[in-house]
């Protein structure tokens, strides 16, 4: 995700709008993406999951001439994924990136830190997000390696439809600087005293 966020930083126009909800997935953009203007990011201050997609649809309707990218964790996207129907209905040609690690990552991270090895209810059984996008009439692509992202994003920019790019990532990659295993091991070491 670091390489992808850095590539977006080099590629997106200065006035691009980045929208995201609450989740560890947003930390890659916060670390590797330089916001070049005032009000170029739409994000919740209250930790609201699911904010990215509906805010991107609204942003694109207000600014149809700007590139609008919605960053979403898989859990966030599942909260308001049906807003793809709104994007289709009103021609809000956004690019929604779904970072799919198969879990509610932030909650899982906190569980591993506070209760190492004793996690509950953070795993997700997700749909095929690219197929879901196509079911709405939007474009949908699945990315399983970093090299696949650039051409998928370029196709999304050229499309005259909303696009969902699902990025499947390793659940261990929980933040730009650590893994779930490292968090668990640190918590276990601290508990052992």
C-alpha atoms as a PDB file:
ATOM      1  CA  UNK A   1       0.000   0.000   0.000  1.00  0.00           C
ATOM      2  CA  UNK A   2       2.901   2.371   0.591  1.00  0.00           C
ATOM      3  CA  UNK A   3       4.015   2.051  -3.035  1.00  0.00           C
ATOM      4  CA  UNK A   4       0.463   2.543  -4.263  1.00  0.00           C
ATOM      5  CA  UNK A   5      -0.066   5.653  -2.130  1.00  0.00           C
ATOM      6  CA  UNK A   6       3.287   7.052  -3.287  1.00  0.00           C
ATOM      7  CA  UNK A   7       2.338   6.385  -6.925  1.00  0.00           C
ATOM      8  CA  UNK A   8      -0.992   8.172  -6.404  1.00  0.00           C
ATOM      9  CA  UNK A   9       0.933  11.075  -4.893  1.00  0.00           C
ATOM     10  CA  UNK A  10       3.020  11.401  -8.074  1.00  0.00           C
ATOM     11  CA  UNK A  11       0.123  10.775 -10.459  1.00  0.00           C
ATOM     12  CA  UNK A  12      -2.995  12.543  -9.221  1.00  0.00           C
ATOM     13  CA  UNK A  13      -3.561  16.180 -10.189  1.00  0.00           C
ATOM     14  CA  UNK A  14      -3.026  18.799  -7.506  1.00  0.00           C
ATOM     15  CA  UNK A  15      -6.765  19.412  -7.160  1.00  0.00           C
ATOM     16  CA  UNK A  16      -7.736  15.748  -6.751  1.00  0.00           C
ATOM     17  CA  UNK A  17     -10.108  15.055  -3.893  1.00  0.00           C
ATOM     18  CA  UNK A  18      -9.341  12.129  -1.579  1.00  0.00           C
ATOM     19  CA  UNK A  19     -12.198  10.790   0.543  1.00  0.00           C
ATOM     20  CA  UNK A  20     -11.905   8.182   3.277  1.00  0.00           C
ATOM     21  CA  UNK A  21     -13.629   6.809   6.314  1.00  0.00           C
ATOM     22  CA  UNK A  22     -12.112   5.644   9.578  1.00  0.00           C
ATOM     23  CA  UNK A  23      -9.680   2.782   9.517  1.00  0.00           C
ATOM     24  CA  UNK A  24      -6.032   1.830   9.450  1.00  0.00           C
ATOM     25  CA  UNK A  25      -6.161   1.687   5.638  1.00  0.00           C
ATOM     26  CA  UNK A  26      -6.229   5.503   5.610  1.00  0.00           C
ATOM     27  CA  UNK A  27      -2.837   5.702   7.311  1.00  0.00           C
ATOM     28  CA  UNK A  28      -1.038   4.837   4.061  1.00  0.00           C
ATOM     29  CA  UNK A  29      -2.448   7.919   2.359  1.00  0.00           C
ATOM     30  CA  UNK A  30      -1.729  10.023   5.431  1.00  0.00           C
ATOM     31  CA  UNK A  31       1.878   8.871   5.399  1.00  0.00           C
ATOM     32  CA  UNK A  32       2.694   8.744   1.673  1.00  0.00           C
ATOM     33  CA  UNK A  33       0.327  11.219   0.007  1.00  0.00           C
ATOM     34  CA  UNK A  34       0.971  14.958   0.029  1.00  0.00           C
ATOM     35  CA  UNK A  35      -2.247  16.962   0.015  1.00  0.00           C
ATOM     36  CA  UNK A  36      -1.392  19.928  -2.174  1.00  0.00           C
ATOM     37  CA  UNK A  37      -4.315  22.208  -1.499  1.00  0.00           C
ATOM     38  CA  UNK A  38      -6.758  23.316   1.074  1.00  0.00           C
ATOM     39  CA  UNK A  39      -9.833  21.084   1.349  1.00  0.00           C
ATOM     40  CA  UNK A  40      -8.480  18.259  -0.782  1.00  0.00           C
ATOM     41  CA  UNK A  41      -9.415  15.576   1.724  1.00  0.00           C
ATOM     42  CA  UNK A  42     -12.876  14.646   2.919  1.00  0.00           C
ATOM     43  CA  UNK A  43     -12.683  12.504   6.057  1.00  0.00           C
ATOM     44  CA  UNK A  44     -14.510  12.157   9.360  1.00  0.00           C
ATOM     45  CA  UNK A  45     -13.159  13.647  12.564  1.00  0.00           C
ATOM     46  CA  UNK A  46     -15.405  11.390  14.619  1.00  0.00           C
ATOM     47  CA  UNK A  47     -13.985   8.040  13.483  1.00  0.00           C
ATOM     48  CA  UNK A  48     -17.027   7.311  11.339  1.00  0.00           C
ATOM     49  CA  UNK A  49     -16.685   4.152   9.272  1.00  0.00           C
ATOM     50  CA  UNK A  50     -18.173   4.183   5.786  1.00  0.00           C
ATOM     51  CA  UNK A  51     -17.689   7.901   5.134  1.00  0.00           C
ATOM     52  CA  UNK A  52     -15.429   7.548   2.081  1.00  0.00           C
ATOM     53  CA  UNK A  53     -17.869   6.395  -0.602  1.00  0.00           C
ATOM     54  CA  UNK A  54     -20.837   8.693   0.043  1.00  0.00           C
ATOM     55  CA  UNK A  55     -18.537  11.700   0.501  1.00  0.00           C
ATOM     56  CA  UNK A  56     -16.840  10.877  -2.808  1.00  0.00           C
ATOM     57  CA  UNK A  57     -20.182  10.731  -4.621  1.00  0.00           C
ATOM     58  CA  UNK A  58     -21.141  14.115  -3.176  1.00  0.00           C
ATOM     59  CA  UNK A  59     -17.718  15.593  -3.977  1.00  0.00           C
ATOM     60  CA  UNK A  60     -17.897  14.435  -7.595  1.00  0.00           C
ATOM     61  CA  UNK A  61     -21.374  15.905  -8.011  1.00  0.00           C
ATOM     62  CA  UNK A  62     -20.163  19.259  -6.669  1.00  0.00           C
ATOM     63  CA  UNK A  63     -16.847  19.099  -8.593  1.00  0.00           C
ATOM     64  CA  UNK A  64     -17.469  17.023 -11.739  1.00  0.00           C
ATOM     65  CA  UNK A  65     -14.254  18.305 -13.333  1.00  0.00           C
ATOM     66  CA  UNK A  66     -11.966  17.026 -10.544  1.00  0.00           C
ATOM     67  CA  UNK A  67     -10.600  13.532  -9.978  1.00  0.00           C
ATOM     68  CA  UNK A  68     -12.278  12.071  -6.898  1.00  0.00           C
ATOM     69  CA  UNK A  69     -10.806   9.009  -5.211  1.00  0.00           C
ATOM     70  CA  UNK A  70     -12.573   7.197  -2.400  1.00  0.00           C
ATOM     71  CA  UNK A  71     -10.300   5.166  -0.117  1.00  0.00           C
ATOM     72  CA  UNK A  72     -12.199   2.440   1.719  1.00  0.00           C
ATOM     73  CA  UNK A  73     -11.410  -0.466   3.946  1.00  0.00           C
ATOM     74  CA  UNK A  74     -13.495  -3.529   3.216  1.00  0.00           C
ATOM     75  CA  UNK A  75     -15.482  -3.008   6.435  1.00  0.00           C
ATOM     76  CA  UNK A  76     -16.041   0.676   5.618  1.00  0.00           C
ATOM     77  CA  UNK A  77     -17.140  -0.099   2.085  1.00  0.00           C
ATOM     78  CA  UNK A  78     -19.658  -2.672   3.303  1.00  0.00           C
ATOM     79  CA  UNK A  79     -21.403   0.032   5.333  1.00  0.00           C
ATOM     80  CA  UNK A  80     -22.320   2.195   2.335  1.00  0.00           C
ATOM     81  CA  UNK A  81     -21.361   0.251  -0.777  1.00  0.00           C
ATOM     82  CA  UNK A  82     -24.892   0.660  -2.090  1.00  0.00           C
ATOM     83  CA  UNK A  83     -24.018   4.288  -2.792  1.00  0.00           C
ATOM     84  CA  UNK A  84     -22.581   2.952  -6.039  1.00  0.00           C
ATOM     85  CA  UNK A  85     -26.204   3.013  -7.189  1.00  0.00           C
ATOM     86  CA  UNK A  86     -26.291   6.748  -6.460  1.00  0.00           C
ATOM     87  CA  UNK A  87     -23.021   7.265  -8.324  1.00  0.00           C
ATOM     88  CA  UNK A  88     -24.450   5.417 -11.329  1.00  0.00           C
ATOM     89  CA  UNK A  89     -27.771   7.247 -11.209  1.00  0.00           C
ATOM     90  CA  UNK A  90     -26.157  10.687 -11.194  1.00  0.00           C
ATOM     91  CA  UNK A  91     -23.058   9.981 -13.282  1.00  0.00           C
ATOM     92  CA  UNK A  92     -20.622  10.575 -10.428  1.00  0.00           C
ATOM     93  CA  UNK A  93     -17.608   8.927 -12.025  1.00  0.00           C
ATOM     94  CA  UNK A  94     -15.528   8.364  -8.911  1.00  0.00           C
ATOM     95  CA  UNK A  95     -12.736   5.875  -8.368  1.00  0.00           C
ATOM     96  CA  UNK A  96     -13.412   3.825  -5.238  1.00  0.00           C
ATOM     97  CA  UNK A  97     -10.434   1.881  -3.936  1.00  0.00           C
ATOM     98  CA  UNK A  98     -11.391  -0.942  -1.570  1.00  0.00           C
ATOM     99  CA  UNK A  99      -8.493  -2.210   0.528  1.00  0.00           C
ATOM    100  CA  UNK A 100      -9.573  -5.743   1.359  1.00  0.00           C
ATOM    101  CA  UNK A 101      -7.771  -7.459   4.214  1.00  0.00           C
ATOM    102  CA  UNK A 102     -10.776  -9.567   5.188  1.00  0.00           C
ATOM    103  CA  UNK A 103     -11.302  -7.968   8.589  1.00  0.00           C
ATOM    104  CA  UNK A 104     -12.171  -4.919  10.608  1.00  0.00           C
ATOM    105  CA  UNK A 105      -8.486  -4.066  10.842  1.00  0.00           C
ATOM    106  CA  UNK A 106      -8.456  -1.228  13.367  1.00  0.00           C
ATOM    107  CA  UNK A 107     -10.620  -3.142  15.812  1.00  0.00           C
ATOM    108  CA  UNK A 108      -8.501  -6.267  15.314  1.00  0.00           C
ATOM    109  CA  UNK A 109      -5.336  -4.239  15.950  1.00  0.00           C
ATOM    110  CA  UNK A 110      -6.733  -2.940  19.249  1.00  0.00           C
ATOM    111  CA  UNK A 111      -7.842  -6.448  20.263  1.00  0.00           C
ATOM    112  CA  UNK A 112      -4.358  -7.836  19.578  1.00  0.00           C
ATOM    113  CA  UNK A 113      -2.777  -5.016  21.575  1.00  0.00           C
ATOM    114  CA  UNK A 114      -5.094  -5.320  24.584  1.00  0.00           C
ATOM    115  CA  UNK A 115      -6.034  -9.024  24.462  1.00  0.00           C
ATOM    116  CA  UNK A 116      -3.287 -10.706  22.420  1.00  0.00           C
ATOM    117  CA  UNK A 117      -4.460 -13.849  20.674  1.00  0.00           C
ATOM    118  CA  UNK A 118      -8.025 -13.424  21.925  1.00  0.00           C
ATOM    119  CA  UNK A 119      -9.800 -11.681  19.095  1.00  0.00           C
ATOM    120  CA  UNK A 120     -13.519 -11.755  18.423  1.00  0.00           C
ATOM    121  CA  UNK A 121     -15.827 -10.829  15.564  1.00  0.00           C
ATOM    122  CA  UNK A 122     -13.374  -8.951  13.378  1.00  0.00           C
ATOM    123  CA  UNK A 123     -13.204 -11.356  10.433  1.00  0.00           C
ATOM    124  CA  UNK A 124     -15.281 -10.475   7.383  1.00  0.00           C
ATOM    125  CA  UNK A 125     -16.753 -12.641   4.669  1.00  0.00           C
ATOM    126  CA  UNK A 126     -16.637 -10.204   1.790  1.00  0.00           C
ATOM    127  CA  UNK A 127     -18.194 -10.289  -1.641  1.00  0.00           C
ATOM    128  CA  UNK A 128     -16.142  -9.971  -4.789  1.00  0.00           C
ATOM    129  CA  UNK A 129     -16.107  -6.165  -4.755  1.00  0.00           C
ATOM    130  CA  UNK A 130     -15.188  -5.857  -8.444  1.00  0.00           C
ATOM    131  CA  UNK A 131     -18.113  -8.117  -9.398  1.00  0.00           C
ATOM    132  CA  UNK A 132     -20.390  -6.127  -7.086  1.00  0.00           C
ATOM    133  CA  UNK A 133     -19.392  -2.934  -8.919  1.00  0.00           C
ATOM    134  CA  UNK A 134     -20.188  -4.550 -12.251  1.00  0.00           C
ATOM    135  CA  UNK A 135     -23.567  -5.644 -10.879  1.00  0.00           C
ATOM    136  CA  UNK A 136     -24.348  -1.940 -10.385  1.00  0.00           C
ATOM    137  CA  UNK A 137     -23.204  -1.223 -13.957  1.00  0.00           C
ATOM    138  CA  UNK A 138     -19.916   0.323 -12.806  1.00  0.00           C
ATOM    139  CA  UNK A 139     -16.419  -0.816 -13.688  1.00  0.00           C
ATOM    140  CA  UNK A 140     -14.793  -3.266 -11.321  1.00  0.00           C
ATOM    141  CA  UNK A 141     -11.210  -4.488 -11.103  1.00  0.00           C
ATOM    142  CA  UNK A 142      -9.302  -6.694  -8.667  1.00  0.00           C
ATOM    143  CA  UNK A 143      -5.649  -6.030  -7.855  1.00  0.00           C
ATOM    144  CA  UNK A 144      -3.586  -8.727  -6.153  1.00  0.00           C
ATOM    145  CA  UNK A 145      -0.089  -7.285  -6.728  1.00  0.00           C
ATOM    146  CA  UNK A 146       1.363  -3.794  -6.672  1.00  0.00           C
ATOM    147  CA  UNK A 147       2.236  -3.974 -10.376  1.00  0.00           C
ATOM    148  CA  UNK A 148      -1.439  -4.440 -11.289  1.00  0.00           C
ATOM    149  CA  UNK A 149      -2.541  -1.212  -9.636  1.00  0.00           C
ATOM    150  CA  UNK A 150      -1.185   1.401 -12.089  1.00  0.00           C
ATOM    151  CA  UNK A 151      -2.861  -0.030 -15.212  1.00  0.00           C
ATOM    152  CA  UNK A 152      -6.109  -0.608 -13.298  1.00  0.00           C
ATOM    153  CA  UNK A 153      -6.091   2.993 -12.076  1.00  0.00           C
ATOM    154  CA  UNK A 154      -5.297   4.339 -15.539  1.00  0.00           C
ATOM    155  CA  UNK A 155      -8.253   2.387 -16.956  1.00  0.00           C
ATOM    156  CA  UNK A 156     -10.421   3.869 -14.188  1.00  0.00           C
ATOM    157  CA  UNK A 157      -9.315   7.403 -15.091  1.00  0.00           C
ATOM    158  CA  UNK A 158     -10.163   6.772 -18.745  1.00  0.00           C
ATOM    159  CA  UNK A 159     -13.548   5.204 -18.009  1.00  0.00           C
ATOM    160  CA  UNK A 160     -16.736   7.161 -18.234  1.00  0.00           C
ATOM    161  CA  UNK A 161     -18.207   5.248 -15.297  1.00  0.00           C
ATOM    162  CA  UNK A 162     -17.679   4.931 -11.569  1.00  0.00           C
ATOM    163  CA  UNK A 163     -14.988   2.347 -10.891  1.00  0.00           C
ATOM    164  CA  UNK A 164     -14.197   0.097  -7.945  1.00  0.00           C
ATOM    165  CA  UNK A 165     -10.636  -1.155  -7.637  1.00  0.00           C
ATOM    166  CA  UNK A 166     -10.421  -3.901  -5.028  1.00  0.00           C
ATOM    167  CA  UNK A 167      -6.915  -4.312  -3.613  1.00  0.00           C
ATOM    168  CA  UNK A 168      -6.413  -7.591  -1.789  1.00  0.00           C
ATOM    169  CA  UNK A 169      -3.728  -7.176   0.852  1.00  0.00           C
ATOM    170  CA  UNK A 170      -2.169  -9.368   3.499  1.00  0.00           C
ATOM    171  CA  UNK A 171      -4.017  -8.981   6.825  1.00  0.00           C
ATOM    172  CA  UNK A 172      -0.639  -8.754   8.550  1.00  0.00           C
ATOM    173  CA  UNK A 173      -0.028  -5.344   6.888  1.00  0.00           C
ATOM    174  CA  UNK A 174      -2.025  -3.454   9.503  1.00  0.00           C
ATOM    175  CA  UNK A 175      -0.136  -0.115   9.397  1.00  0.00           C
ATOM    176  CA  UNK A 176       2.770   1.303   7.394  1.00  0.00           C
ATOM    177  CA  UNK A 177       5.158   0.520  10.262  1.00  0.00           C
ATOM    178  CA  UNK A 178       4.040  -2.713  11.929  1.00  0.00           C
ATOM    179  CA  UNK A 179       2.214  -6.016  11.562  1.00  0.00           C
ATOM    180  CA  UNK A 180      -0.491  -7.745  13.556  1.00  0.00           C
ATOM    181  CA  UNK A 181       2.028 -10.360  14.663  1.00  0.00           C
ATOM    182  CA  UNK A 182       4.416  -7.674  15.953  1.00  0.00           C
ATOM    183  CA  UNK A 183       1.586  -6.012  17.893  1.00  0.00           C
ATOM    184  CA  UNK A 184       0.522  -9.349  19.398  1.00  0.00           C
ATOM    185  CA  UNK A 185       4.095 -10.326  20.317  1.00  0.00           C
ATOM    186  CA  UNK A 186       4.754  -6.939  21.944  1.00  0.00           C
ATOM    187  CA  UNK A 187       1.546  -7.257  23.985  1.00  0.00           C
ATOM    188  CA  UNK A 188       2.437 -10.812  25.063  1.00  0.00           C
ATOM    189  CA  UNK A 189       5.957  -9.710  26.048  1.00  0.00           C
ATOM    190  CA  UNK A 190       4.542  -6.820  28.078  1.00  0.00           C
ATOM    191  CA  UNK A 191       2.071  -9.153  29.825  1.00  0.00           C
ATOM    192  CA  UNK A 192       4.860 -11.610  30.641  1.00  0.00           C
ATOM    193  CA  UNK A 193       6.603  -8.719  32.339  1.00  0.00           C
END
